[in-house]
C-alpha atoms as a PDB file:
ATOM      1  CA  MET A   1      16.970   2.210  33.648  1.00  0.00           C
ATOM      2  CA  THR A   2      15.524   0.006  30.846  1.00  0.00           C
ATOM      3  CA  ASN A   3      17.748  -2.625  29.709  1.00  0.00           C
ATOM      4  CA  LYS A   4      15.881  -3.407  26.259  1.00  0.00           C
ATOM      5  CA  LYS A   5      13.712  -2.128  23.818  1.00  0.00           C
ATOM      6  CA  VAL A   6      11.111  -4.470  22.386  1.00  0.00           C
ATOM      7  CA  GLY A   7       8.256  -3.752  19.869  1.00  0.00           C
ATOM      8  CA  ILE A   8       5.272  -5.695  20.312  1.00  0.00           C
ATOM      9  CA  MET A   9       2.940  -6.274  17.123  1.00  0.00           C
ATOM     10  CA  GLY A  10      -0.363  -7.270  17.810  1.00  0.00           C
ATOM     11  CA  GLY A  11      -3.157  -8.535  15.197  1.00  0.00           C
ATOM     12  CA  SER A  12      -5.010 -11.487  14.023  1.00  0.00           C
ATOM     13  CA  PHE A  13      -2.484 -12.463  11.810  1.00  0.00           C
ATOM     14  CA  ASN A  14      -5.350 -14.619   9.627  1.00  0.00           C
ATOM     15  CA  PRO A  15      -3.261 -15.117   7.710  1.00  0.00           C
ATOM     16  CA  ILE A  16       0.414 -13.488   8.463  1.00  0.00           C
ATOM     17  CA  HIS A  17       1.499 -12.369   5.096  1.00  0.00           C
ATOM     18  CA  HIS A  18       4.488 -10.262   3.511  1.00  0.00           C
ATOM     19  CA  GLY A  19       3.228  -6.922   4.666  1.00  0.00           C
ATOM     20  CA  HIS A  20       3.313  -7.697   8.470  1.00  0.00           C
ATOM     21  CA  LEU A  21       6.847  -9.147   8.116  1.00  0.00           C
ATOM     22  CA  VAL A  22       8.002  -6.120   6.198  1.00  0.00           C
ATOM     23  CA  VAL A  23       6.510  -3.560   8.690  1.00  0.00           C
ATOM     24  CA  ALA A  24       7.976  -5.545  11.631  1.00  0.00           C
ATOM     25  CA  ASN A  25      11.805  -5.745   9.811  1.00  0.00           C
ATOM     26  CA  GLU A  26      11.656  -2.258   8.784  1.00  0.00           C
ATOM     27  CA  VAL A  27      10.355  -1.035  12.536  1.00  0.00           C
ATOM     28  CA  LEU A  28      13.377  -3.476  14.035  1.00  0.00           C
ATOM     29  CA  ASN A  29      16.132  -2.097  12.097  1.00  0.00           C
ATOM     30  CA  ILE A  30      14.958   2.001  12.191  1.00  0.00           C
ATOM     31  CA  TYR A  31      14.527   1.525  16.309  1.00  0.00           C
ATOM     32  CA  ASN A  32      17.410  -1.302  16.966  1.00  0.00           C
ATOM     33  CA  PHE A  33      14.822  -3.248  18.949  1.00  0.00           C
ATOM     34  CA  ASP A  34      16.187  -5.798  20.858  1.00  0.00           C
ATOM     35  CA  GLU A  35      12.999  -8.310  19.993  1.00  0.00           C
ATOM     36  CA  ILE A  36       9.553  -7.926  18.248  1.00  0.00           C
ATOM     37  CA  ILE A  37       6.978 -10.072  19.817  1.00  0.00           C
ATOM     38  CA  PHE A  38       4.017 -10.796  17.397  1.00  0.00           C
ATOM     39  CA  VAL A  39       0.956 -11.555  19.194  1.00  0.00           C
ATOM     40  CA  PRO A  40      -1.738 -13.259  17.726  1.00  0.00           C
ATOM     41  CA  ALA A  41      -5.233 -12.203  19.065  1.00  0.00           C
ATOM     42  CA  GLY A  42      -7.605 -14.383  21.089  1.00  0.00           C
ATOM     43  CA  ILE A  43     -10.773 -12.737  20.794  1.00  0.00           C
ATOM     44  CA  PRO A  44     -10.435  -9.380  19.425  1.00  0.00           C
ATOM     45  CA  PRO A  45     -13.268  -7.334  20.985  1.00  0.00           C
ATOM     46  CA  HIS A  46     -13.442  -5.277  17.907  1.00  0.00           C
ATOM     47  CA  LYS A  47     -14.354  -8.412  15.810  1.00  0.00           C
ATOM     48  CA  ASN A  48     -17.291 -10.584  15.705  1.00  0.00           C
ATOM     49  CA  GLY A  49     -15.256 -13.235  16.016  1.00  0.00           C
ATOM     50  CA  LEU A  50     -12.302 -15.180  13.828  1.00  0.00           C
ATOM     51  CA  LYS A  51     -13.674 -18.170  12.522  1.00  0.00           C
ATOM     52  CA  THR A  52     -10.180 -19.627  12.072  1.00  0.00           C
ATOM     53  CA  ASN A  53      -8.668 -21.606  15.020  1.00  0.00           C
ATOM     54  CA  PRO A  54      -6.542 -19.494  17.211  1.00  0.00           C
ATOM     55  CA  TRP A  55      -3.703 -22.070  17.391  1.00  0.00           C
ATOM     56  CA  ASP A  56      -3.509 -22.330  13.640  1.00  0.00           C
ATOM     57  CA  ARG A  57      -3.177 -18.553  13.423  1.00  0.00           C
ATOM     58  CA  TYR A  58      -0.428 -18.842  16.102  1.00  0.00           C
ATOM     59  CA  MET A  59       1.338 -21.754  14.455  1.00  0.00           C
ATOM     60  CA  MET A  60       1.420 -19.669  11.044  1.00  0.00           C
ATOM     61  CA  VAL A  61       3.012 -16.666  12.907  1.00  0.00           C
ATOM     62  CA  GLN A  62       5.791 -19.026  14.213  1.00  0.00           C
ATOM     63  CA  ILE A  63       6.336 -20.683  10.552  1.00  0.00           C
ATOM     64  CA  ALA A  64       6.845 -16.938   9.022  1.00  0.00           C
ATOM     65  CA  THR A  65       8.824 -15.608  11.548  1.00  0.00           C
ATOM     66  CA  VAL A  66      11.219 -18.619  12.391  1.00  0.00           C
ATOM     67  CA  SER A  67      14.132 -17.534  10.334  1.00  0.00           C
ATOM     68  CA  ASN A  68      14.717 -14.211  12.279  1.00  0.00           C
ATOM     69  CA  ASP A  69      16.153 -14.512  15.704  1.00  0.00           C
ATOM     70  CA  ARG A  70      14.817 -11.495  16.819  1.00  0.00           C
ATOM     71  CA  PHE A  71      11.328 -12.267  15.923  1.00  0.00           C
ATOM     72  CA  THR A  72       9.328 -14.395  18.847  1.00  0.00           C
ATOM     73  CA  VAL A  73       5.713 -15.079  19.288  1.00  0.00           C
ATOM     74  CA  SER A  74       3.824 -15.271  22.559  1.00  0.00           C
ATOM     75  CA  ASP A  75       0.372 -17.172  23.143  1.00  0.00           C
ATOM     76  CA  ILE A  76      -0.676 -14.839  26.117  1.00  0.00           C
ATOM     77  CA  GLU A  77      -3.911 -13.633  24.536  1.00  0.00           C
ATOM     78  CA  ILE A  78      -4.652 -17.194  22.798  1.00  0.00           C
ATOM     79  CA  LYS A  79      -4.429 -18.678  26.228  1.00  0.00           C
ATOM     80  CA  ARG A  80      -6.531 -15.817  27.715  1.00  0.00           C
ATOM     81  CA  THR A  81     -10.127 -16.539  28.261  1.00  0.00           C
ATOM     82  CA  GLY A  82     -12.520 -13.782  26.915  1.00  0.00           C
ATOM     83  CA  LYS A  83     -11.893 -10.846  24.658  1.00  0.00           C
ATOM     84  CA  SER A  84      -8.105  -9.858  24.490  1.00  0.00           C
ATOM     85  CA  TYR A  85      -7.633  -6.434  25.378  1.00  0.00           C
ATOM     86  CA  THR A  86      -4.265  -4.715  24.731  1.00  0.00           C
ATOM     87  CA  LEU A  87      -4.030  -3.288  28.401  1.00  0.00           C
ATOM     88  CA  ASP A  88      -4.160  -6.628  29.873  1.00  0.00           C
ATOM     89  CA  THR A  89      -1.342  -8.010  27.428  1.00  0.00           C
ATOM     90  CA  LEU A  90       0.849  -5.004  28.417  1.00  0.00           C
ATOM     91  CA  ILE A  91       0.096  -5.280  31.761  1.00  0.00           C
ATOM     92  CA  GLN A  92       1.015  -8.783  31.519  1.00  0.00           C
ATOM     93  CA  PHE A  93       4.235  -8.215  29.647  1.00  0.00           C
ATOM     94  CA  ARG A  94       5.511  -5.548  31.947  1.00  0.00           C
ATOM     95  CA  GLU A  95       5.343  -8.235  34.762  1.00  0.00           C
ATOM     96  CA  MET A  96       7.087 -10.810  32.876  1.00  0.00           C
ATOM     97  CA  TYR A  97       9.830  -8.484  31.350  1.00  0.00           C
ATOM     98  CA  PRO A  98      10.646  -5.939  33.801  1.00  0.00           C
ATOM     99  CA  ASP A  99      12.984  -2.886  33.108  1.00  0.00           C
ATOM    100  CA  THR A 100      12.213  -3.269  29.403  1.00  0.00           C
ATOM    101  CA  GLU A 101      10.563  -0.223  27.418  1.00  0.00           C
ATOM    102  CA  PHE A 102       7.595  -1.619  25.017  1.00  0.00           C
ATOM    103  CA  TYR A 103       6.589  -0.122  21.859  1.00  0.00           C
ATOM    104  CA  PHE A 104       3.139  -1.098  20.309  1.00  0.00           C
ATOM    105  CA  ILE A 105       3.533  -1.199  16.626  1.00  0.00           C
ATOM    106  CA  THR A 106      -0.039  -0.699  14.884  1.00  0.00           C
ATOM    107  CA  GLY A 107      -1.510   1.028  11.700  1.00  0.00           C
ATOM    108  CA  MET A 108      -2.023   4.313  11.345  1.00  0.00           C
ATOM    109  CA  ASP A 109      -5.916   3.754  11.049  1.00  0.00           C
ATOM    110  CA  ALA A 110      -5.928   1.883  14.514  1.00  0.00           C
ATOM    111  CA  VAL A 111      -3.895   4.844  16.288  1.00  0.00           C
ATOM    112  CA  ILE A 112      -6.291   7.057  15.188  1.00  0.00           C
ATOM    113  CA  ASP A 113      -9.137   5.120  16.805  1.00  0.00           C
ATOM    114  CA  LEU A 114      -6.987   4.808  19.873  1.00  0.00           C
ATOM    115  CA  PRO A 115      -9.500   7.059  22.030  1.00  0.00           C
ATOM    116  CA  ASN A 116     -12.076   4.035  21.433  1.00  0.00           C
ATOM    117  CA  TRP A 117      -9.771   1.194  22.708  1.00  0.00           C
ATOM    118  CA  HIS A 118     -10.237  -0.133  26.266  1.00  0.00           C
ATOM    119  CA  GLU A 119      -8.726   2.244  28.921  1.00  0.00           C
ATOM    120  CA  PRO A 120      -6.607   3.978  26.316  1.00  0.00           C
ATOM    121  CA  ASP A 121      -4.961   6.521  28.910  1.00  0.00           C
ATOM    122  CA  LYS A 122      -3.738   3.428  30.931  1.00  0.00           C
ATOM    123  CA  LEU A 123      -2.360   1.840  27.799  1.00  0.00           C
ATOM    124  CA  LEU A 124      -0.232   4.944  26.915  1.00  0.00           C
ATOM    125  CA  LYS A 125       1.388   4.797  30.206  1.00  0.00           C
ATOM    126  CA  LEU A 126       2.802   1.474  29.933  1.00  0.00           C
ATOM    127  CA  CYS A 127       4.211   1.663  26.162  1.00  0.00           C
ATOM    128  CA  LYS A 128       5.040   4.125  23.581  1.00  0.00           C
ATOM    129  CA  PHE A 129       2.868   3.454  20.124  1.00  0.00           C
ATOM    130  CA  ILE A 130       4.461   3.550  16.497  1.00  0.00           C
ATOM    131  CA  ALA A 131       1.880   4.284  14.153  1.00  0.00           C
ATOM    132  CA  VAL A 132       2.659   2.788  10.632  1.00  0.00           C
ATOM    133  CA  SER A 133       1.831   4.549   7.705  1.00  0.00           C
ATOM    134  CA  ARG A 134       2.022   3.970   4.080  1.00  0.00           C
ATOM    135  CA  PRO A 135       4.052   6.625   1.803  1.00  0.00           C
ATOM    136  CA  GLY A 136       1.521   8.771  -0.318  1.00  0.00           C
ATOM    137  CA  ILE A 137      -0.860   9.723   2.916  1.00  0.00           C
ATOM    138  CA  ASP A 138      -1.016  13.209   3.730  1.00  0.00           C
ATOM    139  CA  LYS A 139       1.516  13.465   6.513  1.00  0.00           C
ATOM    140  CA  ASP A 140       0.476  16.654   7.799  1.00  0.00           C
ATOM    141  CA  VAL A 141      -3.149  15.647   7.906  1.00  0.00           C
ATOM    142  CA  ILE A 142      -2.372  12.365  10.050  1.00  0.00           C
ATOM    143  CA  GLU A 143       0.401  14.167  12.410  1.00  0.00           C
ATOM    144  CA  ASN A 144      -2.446  16.747  13.487  1.00  0.00           C
ATOM    145  CA  LYS A 145      -4.880  14.024  14.083  1.00  0.00           C
ATOM    146  CA  ILE A 146      -2.207  12.139  16.194  1.00  0.00           C
ATOM    147  CA  LYS A 147      -1.181  15.203  18.082  1.00  0.00           C
ATOM    148  CA  GLU A 148      -4.732  15.704  19.298  1.00  0.00           C
ATOM    149  CA  ILE A 149      -5.102  12.258  20.578  1.00  0.00           C
ATOM    150  CA  LYS A 150      -1.421  12.331  22.479  1.00  0.00           C
ATOM    151  CA  ASP A 151      -2.795  15.931  24.099  1.00  0.00           C
ATOM    152  CA  THR A 152      -6.127  14.304  24.915  1.00  0.00           C
ATOM    153  CA  LEU A 153      -4.486  11.081  26.272  1.00  0.00           C
ATOM    154  CA  ASN A 154      -1.010  12.574  27.204  1.00  0.00           C
ATOM    155  CA  GLY A 155       0.827   9.393  25.480  1.00  0.00           C
ATOM    156  CA  HIS A 156       3.732   8.871  23.377  1.00  0.00           C
ATOM    157  CA  ILE A 157       2.948   8.166  19.658  1.00  0.00           C
ATOM    158  CA  GLU A 158       5.210   8.278  16.599  1.00  0.00           C
ATOM    159  CA  LEU A 159       4.426   8.281  12.913  1.00  0.00           C
ATOM    160  CA  MET A 160       6.693   6.337  10.609  1.00  0.00           C
ATOM    161  CA  GLN A 161       6.153   5.460   7.000  1.00  0.00           C
ATOM    162  CA  VAL A 162       7.102   2.107   5.887  1.00  0.00           C
ATOM    163  CA  PRO A 163       6.882   0.949   2.482  1.00  0.00           C
ATOM    164  CA  MET A 164       4.028  -1.361   3.207  1.00  0.00           C
ATOM    165  CA  LEU A 165       2.938  -3.838   0.395  1.00  0.00           C
ATOM    166  CA  GLN A 166      -0.368  -3.787  -0.834  1.00  0.00           C
ATOM    167  CA  ILE A 167      -1.402  -7.157   0.573  1.00  0.00           C
ATOM    168  CA  SER A 168      -4.372  -8.133   2.854  1.00  0.00           C
ATOM    169  CA  SER A 169      -5.220 -10.907   4.976  1.00  0.00           C
ATOM    170  CA  THR A 170      -9.188 -10.704   3.537  1.00  0.00           C
ATOM    171  CA  ASP A 171      -8.031 -10.833   0.129  1.00  0.00           C
ATOM    172  CA  ILE A 172      -5.784 -13.676   0.852  1.00  0.00           C
ATOM    173  CA  ARG A 173      -8.757 -15.698   2.253  1.00  0.00           C
ATOM    174  CA  GLU A 174     -10.856 -14.699  -0.527  1.00  0.00           C
ATOM    175  CA  ARG A 175      -8.242 -16.228  -2.712  1.00  0.00           C
ATOM    176  CA  ILE A 176      -8.157 -19.328  -0.786  1.00  0.00           C
ATOM    177  CA  LYS A 177     -11.887 -19.714  -0.731  1.00  0.00           C
ATOM    178  CA  ASN A 178     -12.368 -19.098  -4.777  1.00  0.00           C
ATOM    179  CA  GLY A 179      -9.513 -21.560  -5.468  1.00  0.00           C
ATOM    180  CA  ILE A 180      -7.175 -18.551  -6.648  1.00  0.00           C
ATOM    181  CA  SER A 181      -3.451 -18.940  -5.996  1.00  0.00           C
ATOM    182  CA  ALA A 182      -2.337 -16.793  -3.130  1.00  0.00           C
ATOM    183  CA  LYS A 183       1.490 -17.906  -3.996  1.00  0.00           C
ATOM    184  CA  TYR A 184       4.105 -14.687  -3.278  1.00  0.00           C
ATOM    185  CA  LEU A 185       1.725 -13.204  -1.156  1.00  0.00           C
ATOM    186  CA  LEU A 186       2.548 -14.842   1.858  1.00  0.00           C
ATOM    187  CA  PRO A 187       5.396 -17.031   2.972  1.00  0.00           C
ATOM    188  CA  GLU A 188       5.690 -20.169   1.022  1.00  0.00           C
ATOM    189  CA  THR A 189       5.666 -22.305   4.370  1.00  0.00           C
ATOM    190  CA  VAL A 190       2.528 -20.395   5.632  1.00  0.00           C
ATOM    191  CA  GLU A 191       0.934 -21.363   2.365  1.00  0.00           C
ATOM    192  CA  GLN A 192       1.700 -25.168   2.702  1.00  0.00           C
ATOM    193  CA  TYR A 193       0.196 -24.988   6.241  1.00  0.00           C
ATOM    194  CA  ILE A 194      -2.906 -23.521   5.155  1.00  0.00           C
ATOM    195  CA  ILE A 195      -3.361 -26.099   2.326  1.00  0.00           C
ATOM    196  CA  LYS A 196      -2.402 -28.975   4.223  1.00  0.00           C
ATOM    197  CA  ASN A 197      -4.801 -27.819   7.282  1.00  0.00           C
ATOM    198  CA  LYS A 198      -7.433 -27.088   4.509  1.00  0.00           C
ATOM    199  CA  LEU A 199      -7.793 -23.376   5.910  1.00  0.00           C
ATOM    200  CA  TYR A 200     -10.284 -20.943   4.647  1.00  0.00           C
ATOM    201  CA  ARG A 201     -12.143 -23.260   2.310  1.00  0.00           C
END
């Protein structure tokens, strides 16, 4: 019998912005999780390295989530040497938090690409997935694709539509690089951290 329901929100968070926080809060409320753990990626296997210091990304997530007592931040992937595979992270979390039901929260595009993840069949035995989708996307098409993946990998995947804000970390980095204000796209405390530490210049 599981005692807790915990959501895991992974990502590069480079930087974290209001879109990430809106999604996390909506999922927290709808699923009534005990906790959502934000896991900034160390060395993501699908990206050609992140130029930003991982501890800066970790600190920005800490700053952005500190006001919500059901949000926590883990440095589990940042401390790991080598590439950060979600499977390894889930194995560690299962050891650290027994009797906990885990849900991995990620974007719909990432879930559709799940067959290309590292050992996805093992991953889906360790947690359930919540595929976050924006309203306006053809739900029938997405549901059919997710059904194919569920049938192939024998996992539990739920589709959830969230009013995600049209904000991207890439756009924020480009704005800062070009001297354009990113105000109101991310928490003010995170913006101040970026300015103070001269990130993305």
